[in-house]
Amino acid sequence: MNALVPNSDLNSKTLLPNRLYNAAFYGKPVIVMEKTFLAEQVSKYKLGLIINSFKNLNEIIIDYLNDIKYGEFILGIQDFFQQVLKDNENFRANVIAFLKN
């Protein structure tokens, strides 16, 4: 699955598209551009492939698929969703606290 957004502006550098969550949910590696927050998350949780250009992309994908460590990939997905749940609970708690004040 690809989430190839440019790394040319602030919005593109900081967004986390739904495609990332869908890829992780369905156990599919995601392809992203380097120098973005999305790439940081993909790297941190080992969720896919980070590229810096489209040159030789087919070869890069084949190499990635031949070298993927499936166990690390699955653990990364689990860690990613644990963090998502923590972030959602933190957000919920902060919204409730704000509304109570």
Protein backbone atom coordinates (compact mmCIF):
# COMPACT_ATOMS: atom_id res chain seq x y z
CA MET A 1 0.00 0.00 0.00
CA ASN A 2 1.38 3.43 -0.74
CA ALA A 3 1.09 6.64 1.20
CA LEU A 4 3.37 8.62 -1.07
CA VAL A 5 2.83 12.22 -0.08
CA PRO A 6 5.41 14.86 -0.98
CA ASN A 7 7.77 16.18 1.64
CA SER A 8 7.65 19.69 0.24
CA ASP A 9 5.37 21.53 2.69
CA LEU A 10 4.52 21.49 6.38
CA ASN A 11 1.18 19.73 5.95
CA SER A 12 2.69 16.93 3.91
CA LYS A 13 5.62 16.58 6.29
CA THR A 14 3.43 16.20 9.38
CA LEU A 15 0.30 14.30 8.36
CA LEU A 16 -0.56 10.71 9.19
CA PRO A 17 -3.04 9.58 6.53
CA ASN A 18 -5.72 6.97 7.14
CA ARG A 19 -3.85 4.83 4.65
CA LEU A 20 -1.18 4.23 7.32
CA TYR A 21 -3.75 2.89 9.77
CA ASN A 22 -5.44 0.80 7.06
CA ALA A 23 -2.12 -0.70 5.95
CA ALA A 24 -1.25 -1.64 9.53
CA PHE A 25 -4.75 -2.98 10.22
CA TYR A 26 -4.66 -5.22 7.16
CA GLY A 27 -1.03 -6.25 7.70
CA LYS A 28 0.28 -4.60 4.54
CA PRO A 29 3.61 -2.78 4.38
CA VAL A 30 3.28 0.87 3.44
CA ILE A 31 5.56 2.80 1.09
CA VAL A 32 6.31 6.39 2.14
CA MET A 33 8.62 9.26 1.22
CA GLU A 34 11.54 10.10 3.49
CA LYS A 35 11.85 13.30 5.55
CA THR A 36 8.27 13.22 6.84
CA PHE A 37 6.66 12.45 10.19
CA LEU A 38 4.98 9.56 8.40
CA ALA A 39 8.41 8.13 7.52
CA GLU A 40 9.49 8.52 11.16
CA GLN A 41 6.51 6.47 12.30
CA VAL A 42 7.02 3.83 9.60
CA SER A 43 10.67 3.55 10.64
CA LYS A 44 9.92 3.50 14.39
CA TYR A 45 7.34 0.73 14.09
CA LYS A 46 8.88 -1.06 11.08
CA LEU A 47 5.65 -0.68 9.12
CA GLY A 48 7.07 -0.55 5.62
CA LEU A 49 9.44 0.95 3.12
CA ILE A 50 10.82 4.50 3.09
CA ILE A 51 11.99 5.83 -0.26
CA ASN A 52 13.78 8.99 -1.35
CA SER A 53 12.87 8.88 -5.07
CA PHE A 54 10.90 6.88 -7.59
CA LYS A 55 14.06 5.83 -9.43
CA ASN A 56 14.33 2.02 -9.57
CA LEU A 57 11.25 1.75 -7.33
CA ASN A 58 10.35 -1.71 -8.62
CA GLU A 59 13.79 -3.04 -7.65
CA ILE A 60 13.64 -1.33 -4.25
CA ILE A 61 10.24 -2.92 -3.53
CA ILE A 62 11.44 -6.37 -4.59
CA ASP A 63 14.53 -6.05 -2.37
CA TYR A 64 12.35 -4.92 0.55
CA LEU A 65 9.97 -7.85 0.13
CA ASN A 66 12.85 -10.32 -0.13
CA ASP A 67 14.43 -8.98 3.07
CA ILE A 68 11.34 -8.28 5.21
CA LYS A 69 11.50 -9.65 8.73
CA TYR A 70 7.89 -10.68 9.13
CA GLY A 71 8.08 -11.15 12.91
CA GLU A 72 9.42 -7.62 13.42
CA PHE A 73 6.75 -6.31 11.08
CA ILE A 74 3.95 -7.94 13.12
CA LEU A 75 5.45 -6.72 16.42
CA GLY A 76 5.70 -3.24 14.94
CA ILE A 77 2.02 -3.31 14.02
CA GLN A 78 1.12 -4.36 17.56
CA ASP A 79 3.30 -1.64 19.10
CA PHE A 80 1.86 0.94 16.69
CA PHE A 81 -1.73 0.16 17.66
CA GLN A 82 -0.88 0.10 21.36
CA GLN A 83 0.44 3.63 20.95
CA VAL A 84 -2.64 4.65 18.94
CA LEU A 85 -4.87 3.42 21.77
CA LYS A 86 -2.79 5.33 24.34
CA ASP A 87 -2.93 8.48 22.23
CA ASN A 88 -6.69 8.16 21.81
CA GLU A 89 -7.22 7.65 25.55
CA ASN A 90 -5.01 10.65 26.32
CA PHE A 91 -6.95 12.78 23.83
CA ARG A 92 -10.28 11.64 25.30
CA ALA A 93 -9.15 12.39 28.85
CA ASN A 94 -7.94 15.86 27.84
CA VAL A 95 -11.18 16.69 26.04
CA ILE A 96 -13.23 15.59 29.06
CA ALA A 97 -11.00 17.63 31.39
CA PHE A 98 -11.35 20.66 29.14
CA LEU A 99 -15.14 20.34 28.99
CA LYS A 100 -15.39 20.02 32.78
CA ASN A 101 -13.52 23.30 33.26
